[in-house]
């Protein structure tokens, strides 16, 4: 989106340059306008460079989040498996006396 806006602003700036070259201005000299448009062009180039750096940085961050999501999913699955095993492998908690009573009842 930023790149599209910069492209639009660059086109507007180019149109402004052409307009000033053709018409001129009574208030400012062509030289001062030319210097100002040169400054604007440098600013646009700087912003384009910054956007490119930001885009590269964001792609790196997105890749790191993807790796994090994969690791999180794996850890979550392992935790679920661990809890399942703990629930099904723990001793029943029945005392020896209760077991003897149950055996007598069954006999």
N, C-alpha and C. Protein backbone atom coordinates (compact mmCIF):
# COMPACT_ATOMS: atom_id res chain seq x y z
N UNK A 1 0.83 -1.18 0.00
CA UNK A 1 0.00 0.00 0.00
C UNK A 1 0.88 1.25 0.00
N UNK A 2 1.93 1.21 0.83
CA UNK A 2 2.86 2.35 0.85
C UNK A 2 3.54 2.53 -0.50
N UNK A 3 3.90 1.42 -1.11
CA UNK A 3 4.56 1.51 -2.42
C UNK A 3 3.62 2.14 -3.45
N UNK A 4 2.34 1.79 -3.41
CA UNK A 4 1.37 2.38 -4.33
C UNK A 4 1.23 3.88 -4.08
N UNK A 5 1.18 4.27 -2.82
CA UNK A 5 1.07 5.69 -2.49
C UNK A 5 2.32 6.45 -2.96
N UNK A 6 3.49 5.82 -2.77
CA UNK A 6 4.72 6.48 -3.21
C UNK A 6 4.75 6.64 -4.73
N UNK A 7 4.28 5.63 -5.43
CA UNK A 7 4.23 5.72 -6.89
C UNK A 7 3.32 6.86 -7.32
N UNK A 8 2.16 6.96 -6.67
CA UNK A 8 1.22 8.04 -6.98
C UNK A 8 1.84 9.41 -6.70
N UNK A 9 2.50 9.54 -5.57
CA UNK A 9 3.13 10.82 -5.21
C UNK A 9 4.27 11.15 -6.17
N UNK A 10 5.00 10.14 -6.61
CA UNK A 10 6.08 10.37 -7.56
C UNK A 10 5.54 10.89 -8.88
N UNK A 11 4.42 10.31 -9.32
CA UNK A 11 3.80 10.78 -10.56
C UNK A 11 3.32 12.22 -10.40
N UNK A 12 2.72 12.52 -9.26
CA UNK A 12 2.27 13.88 -9.00
C UNK A 12 3.44 14.85 -9.00
N UNK A 13 4.55 14.43 -8.40
CA UNK A 13 5.75 15.26 -8.37
C UNK A 13 6.29 15.49 -9.78
N UNK A 14 6.29 14.45 -10.60
CA UNK A 14 6.74 14.60 -11.99
C UNK A 14 5.85 15.57 -12.76
N UNK A 15 4.54 15.46 -12.54
CA UNK A 15 3.61 16.38 -13.19
C UNK A 15 3.85 17.81 -12.75
N UNK A 16 4.15 17.96 -11.45
CA UNK A 16 4.45 19.30 -10.92
C UNK A 16 5.71 19.86 -11.57
N UNK A 17 6.72 19.03 -11.72
CA UNK A 17 7.96 19.47 -12.38
C UNK A 17 7.67 19.96 -13.80
N UNK A 18 6.90 19.15 -14.54
CA UNK A 18 6.59 19.51 -15.91
C UNK A 18 5.78 20.80 -15.96
N UNK A 19 4.85 20.94 -15.07
CA UNK A 19 4.01 22.14 -15.02
C UNK A 19 4.85 23.37 -14.73
N UNK A 20 5.77 23.24 -13.77
CA UNK A 20 6.63 24.37 -13.43
C UNK A 20 7.59 24.70 -14.56
N UNK A 21 8.05 23.69 -15.26
CA UNK A 21 8.96 23.93 -16.37
C UNK A 21 8.26 24.68 -17.49
N UNK A 22 6.99 24.37 -17.71
CA UNK A 22 6.25 25.02 -18.79
C UNK A 22 5.75 26.41 -18.41
N UNK A 23 5.18 26.52 -17.21
CA UNK A 23 4.53 27.77 -16.82
C UNK A 23 5.44 28.73 -16.05
N UNK A 24 6.25 28.23 -15.18
CA UNK A 24 7.05 29.10 -14.32
C UNK A 24 6.17 29.72 -13.27
N UNK A 25 6.74 30.49 -12.38
CA UNK A 25 5.96 31.14 -11.32
C UNK A 25 6.50 32.54 -11.12
N UNK A 26 5.59 33.45 -10.93
CA UNK A 26 5.99 34.84 -10.72
C UNK A 26 6.54 35.04 -9.32
N UNK A 27 6.07 34.22 -8.36
CA UNK A 27 6.47 34.40 -6.97
C UNK A 27 7.87 33.85 -6.71
N UNK A 28 8.21 32.75 -7.34
CA UNK A 28 9.50 32.11 -7.09
C UNK A 28 10.25 31.97 -8.41
N UNK A 29 11.54 31.97 -8.28
CA UNK A 29 12.37 31.82 -9.47
C UNK A 29 12.40 30.35 -9.87
N UNK A 30 12.60 30.08 -11.14
CA UNK A 30 12.68 28.68 -11.58
C UNK A 30 13.79 27.91 -10.88
N UNK A 31 14.87 28.62 -10.53
CA UNK A 31 15.99 27.95 -9.87
C UNK A 31 15.58 27.47 -8.47
N UNK A 32 14.85 28.31 -7.72
CA UNK A 32 14.45 27.91 -6.37
C UNK A 32 13.42 26.78 -6.43
N UNK A 33 12.54 26.84 -7.43
CA UNK A 33 11.57 25.76 -7.59
C UNK A 33 12.26 24.47 -8.00
N UNK A 34 13.25 24.59 -8.83
CA UNK A 34 14.00 23.43 -9.27
C UNK A 34 14.74 22.80 -8.09
N UNK A 35 15.32 23.63 -7.22
CA UNK A 35 16.00 23.11 -6.04
C UNK A 35 15.00 22.42 -5.10
N UNK A 36 13.83 23.02 -4.94
CA UNK A 36 12.81 22.44 -4.06
C UNK A 36 12.32 21.09 -4.61
N UNK A 37 12.11 21.01 -5.91
CA UNK A 37 11.67 19.73 -6.49
C UNK A 37 12.78 18.69 -6.39
N UNK A 38 14.03 19.11 -6.50
CA UNK A 38 15.16 18.18 -6.34
C UNK A 38 15.17 17.64 -4.91
N UNK A 39 14.91 18.50 -3.93
CA UNK A 39 14.84 18.06 -2.53
C UNK A 39 13.70 17.07 -2.35
N UNK A 40 12.57 17.36 -2.97
CA UNK A 40 11.43 16.45 -2.87
C UNK A 40 11.75 15.10 -3.50
N UNK A 41 12.45 15.11 -4.62
CA UNK A 41 12.83 13.86 -5.26
C UNK A 41 13.76 13.04 -4.36
N UNK A 42 14.70 13.72 -3.72
CA UNK A 42 15.60 13.02 -2.80
C UNK A 42 14.82 12.42 -1.63
N UNK A 43 13.83 13.17 -1.13
CA UNK A 43 13.01 12.67 -0.03
C UNK A 43 12.22 11.43 -0.47
N UNK A 44 11.68 11.49 -1.67
CA UNK A 44 10.92 10.35 -2.19
C UNK A 44 11.84 9.13 -2.33
N UNK A 45 13.03 9.34 -2.86
CA UNK A 45 13.98 8.24 -3.00
C UNK A 45 14.34 7.64 -1.64
N UNK A 46 14.51 8.51 -0.66
CA UNK A 46 14.82 8.05 0.70
C UNK A 46 13.67 7.23 1.26
N UNK A 47 12.45 7.69 1.05
CA UNK A 47 11.28 6.97 1.56
C UNK A 47 11.12 5.63 0.85
N UNK A 48 11.37 5.61 -0.45
CA UNK A 48 11.30 4.35 -1.20
C UNK A 48 12.32 3.35 -0.63
N UNK A 49 13.50 3.83 -0.33
CA UNK A 49 14.54 2.98 0.25
C UNK A 49 14.10 2.46 1.62
N UNK A 50 13.52 3.33 2.43
CA UNK A 50 13.07 2.93 3.76
C UNK A 50 11.94 1.90 3.66
N UNK A 51 11.05 2.08 2.72
CA UNK A 51 9.95 1.12 2.53
C UNK A 51 10.51 -0.24 2.11
N UNK A 52 11.50 -0.24 1.26
CA UNK A 52 12.12 -1.50 0.83
C UNK A 52 12.76 -2.21 2.03
N UNK A 53 13.46 -1.44 2.88
CA UNK A 53 14.06 -2.03 4.07
C UNK A 53 12.99 -2.57 5.01
N UNK A 54 11.91 -1.82 5.17
CA UNK A 54 10.81 -2.24 6.03
C UNK A 54 10.17 -3.52 5.50
N UNK A 55 10.02 -3.59 4.18
CA UNK A 55 9.43 -4.78 3.56
C UNK A 55 10.31 -6.00 3.83
N UNK A 56 11.62 -5.86 3.68
CA UNK A 56 12.55 -6.95 3.95
C UNK A 56 12.47 -7.37 5.41
N UNK A 57 12.44 -6.39 6.29
CA UNK A 57 12.35 -6.67 7.72
C UNK A 57 11.05 -7.39 8.06
N UNK A 58 9.96 -6.95 7.48
CA UNK A 58 8.66 -7.57 7.75
C UNK A 58 8.62 -9.00 7.25
N UNK A 59 9.23 -9.27 6.11
CA UNK A 59 9.26 -10.63 5.59
C UNK A 59 10.03 -11.54 6.55
N UNK A 60 11.13 -11.02 7.09
CA UNK A 60 11.91 -11.78 8.07
C UNK A 60 11.09 -12.05 9.32
N UNK A 61 10.37 -11.06 9.79
CA UNK A 61 9.53 -11.22 10.98
C UNK A 61 8.42 -12.23 10.72
N UNK A 62 7.80 -12.16 9.56
CA UNK A 62 6.75 -13.12 9.22
C UNK A 62 7.29 -14.55 9.19
N UNK A 63 8.49 -14.73 8.68
CA UNK A 63 9.11 -16.05 8.65
C UNK A 63 9.37 -16.54 10.08
N UNK A 64 9.83 -15.65 10.96
CA UNK A 64 10.06 -16.03 12.35
C UNK A 64 8.76 -16.42 13.04
N UNK A 65 7.68 -15.71 12.76
CA UNK A 65 6.38 -16.07 13.33
C UNK A 65 5.90 -17.42 12.81
N UNK A 66 6.16 -17.71 11.55
CA UNK A 66 5.76 -19.00 10.98
C UNK A 66 6.49 -20.13 11.71
N UNK A 67 7.79 -19.96 11.93
CA UNK A 67 8.57 -20.95 12.65
C UNK A 67 8.04 -21.10 14.08
N UNK A 68 7.73 -19.98 14.71
CA UNK A 68 7.17 -20.01 16.07
C UNK A 68 5.85 -20.77 16.09
N UNK A 69 4.97 -20.50 15.15
CA UNK A 69 3.67 -21.18 15.11
C UNK A 69 3.84 -22.69 14.95
N UNK A 70 4.78 -23.10 14.10
CA UNK A 70 5.03 -24.53 13.92
C UNK A 70 5.54 -25.16 15.22
N UNK A 71 6.48 -24.49 15.87
CA UNK A 71 7.02 -25.02 17.13
C UNK A 71 5.94 -25.06 18.21
N UNK A 72 5.11 -24.03 18.26
CA UNK A 72 4.04 -23.99 19.25
C UNK A 72 3.06 -25.14 19.03
N UNK A 73 2.70 -25.40 17.79
CA UNK A 73 1.78 -26.49 17.48
C UNK A 73 2.38 -27.83 17.91
N UNK A 74 3.67 -28.02 17.65
CA UNK A 74 4.32 -29.26 18.03
C UNK A 74 4.37 -29.43 19.54
N UNK A 75 4.72 -28.38 20.26
CA UNK A 75 4.77 -28.43 21.72
C UNK A 75 3.37 -28.67 22.30
N UNK A 76 2.38 -28.03 21.72
CA UNK A 76 1.01 -28.22 22.18
C UNK A 76 0.57 -29.67 22.01
N UNK A 77 0.90 -30.26 20.88
CA UNK A 77 0.56 -31.66 20.64
C UNK A 77 1.28 -32.58 21.62
N UNK A 78 2.56 -32.33 21.85
CA UNK A 78 3.32 -33.14 22.80
C UNK A 78 2.75 -33.01 24.21
N UNK A 79 2.35 -31.82 24.60
CA UNK A 79 1.76 -31.61 25.92
C UNK A 79 0.45 -32.36 26.06
N UNK A 80 -0.37 -32.33 25.03
CA UNK A 80 -1.64 -33.06 25.05
C UNK A 80 -1.39 -34.55 25.18
N UNK A 81 -0.43 -35.07 24.44
CA UNK A 81 -0.09 -36.50 24.53
C UNK A 81 0.41 -36.84 25.94
N UNK A 82 1.25 -36.00 26.49
CA UNK A 82 1.78 -36.21 27.84
C UNK A 82 0.65 -36.25 28.85
N UNK A 83 -0.26 -35.30 28.79
CA UNK A 83 -1.39 -35.27 29.73
C UNK A 83 -2.27 -36.50 29.57
N UNK A 84 -2.47 -36.94 28.35
CA UNK A 84 -3.26 -38.16 28.10
C UNK A 84 -2.59 -39.36 28.76
N UNK A 85 -1.29 -39.48 28.57
CA UNK A 85 -0.56 -40.60 29.18
C UNK A 85 -0.61 -40.54 30.70
N UNK A 86 -0.44 -39.37 31.26
CA UNK A 86 -0.49 -39.21 32.71
C UNK A 86 -1.85 -39.64 33.24
N UNK A 87 -2.93 -39.23 32.57
CA UNK A 87 -4.28 -39.58 33.02
C UNK A 87 -4.54 -41.08 32.94
N UNK A 88 -4.00 -41.76 31.94
CA UNK A 88 -4.29 -43.17 31.75
C UNK A 88 -3.27 -44.11 32.39
N UNK A 89 -2.15 -43.59 32.82
CA UNK A 89 -1.11 -44.44 33.38
C UNK A 89 -0.98 -44.32 34.89
N UNK A 90 -1.67 -43.40 35.51
CA UNK A 90 -1.50 -43.23 36.95
C UNK A 90 -2.24 -44.34 37.69
N UNK A 91 -1.75 -44.69 38.87
CA UNK A 91 -2.41 -45.73 39.64
C UNK A 91 -3.81 -45.30 40.05
N UNK A 92 -4.65 -46.25 40.26
CA UNK A 92 -6.05 -45.96 40.50
C UNK A 92 -6.32 -45.28 41.84
N UNK A 93 -5.40 -45.37 42.76
CA UNK A 93 -5.59 -44.72 44.05
C UNK A 93 -6.40 -45.56 45.02
N UNK A 94 -6.66 -46.80 44.68
CA UNK A 94 -7.41 -47.70 45.55
C UNK A 94 -6.43 -48.34 46.54
N UNK A 95 -6.83 -48.38 47.80
CA UNK A 95 -5.95 -48.94 48.82
C UNK A 95 -5.99 -50.47 48.79
N UNK A 96 -5.02 -51.05 49.46
CA UNK A 96 -4.93 -52.50 49.53
C UNK A 96 -6.15 -53.08 50.26
N UNK A 97 -6.58 -52.39 51.29
CA UNK A 97 -7.74 -52.85 52.05
C UNK A 97 -9.00 -52.86 51.18
N UNK A 98 -9.16 -51.80 50.37
CA UNK A 98 -10.32 -51.73 49.50
C UNK A 98 -10.30 -52.85 48.47
N UNK A 99 -9.11 -53.16 47.96
CA UNK A 99 -8.98 -54.25 47.00
C UNK A 99 -9.32 -55.60 47.65
N UNK A 100 -8.87 -55.83 48.88
CA UNK A 100 -9.18 -57.09 49.58
C UNK A 100 -10.68 -57.21 49.81
N UNK A 101 -11.30 -56.09 50.17
CA UNK A 101 -12.76 -56.10 50.37
C UNK A 101 -13.49 -56.43 49.08
N UNK A 102 -13.01 -55.85 47.97
CA UNK A 102 -13.64 -56.10 46.67
C UNK A 102 -13.46 -57.57 46.27
N UNK A 103 -12.28 -58.16 46.54
CA UNK A 103 -12.04 -59.56 46.23
C UNK A 103 -13.00 -60.46 47.02
N UNK A 104 -13.20 -60.15 48.32
CA UNK A 104 -14.11 -60.93 49.15
C UNK A 104 -15.53 -60.84 48.62
N UNK A 105 -15.90 -59.61 48.20
CA UNK A 105 -17.25 -59.43 47.68
C UNK A 105 -17.44 -60.24 46.40
N UNK A 106 -16.45 -60.24 45.56
CA UNK A 106 -16.54 -60.98 44.30
C UNK A 106 -16.57 -62.49 44.54
N UNK A 107 -15.86 -62.94 45.57
CA UNK A 107 -15.84 -64.38 45.87
C UNK A 107 -17.20 -64.81 46.37
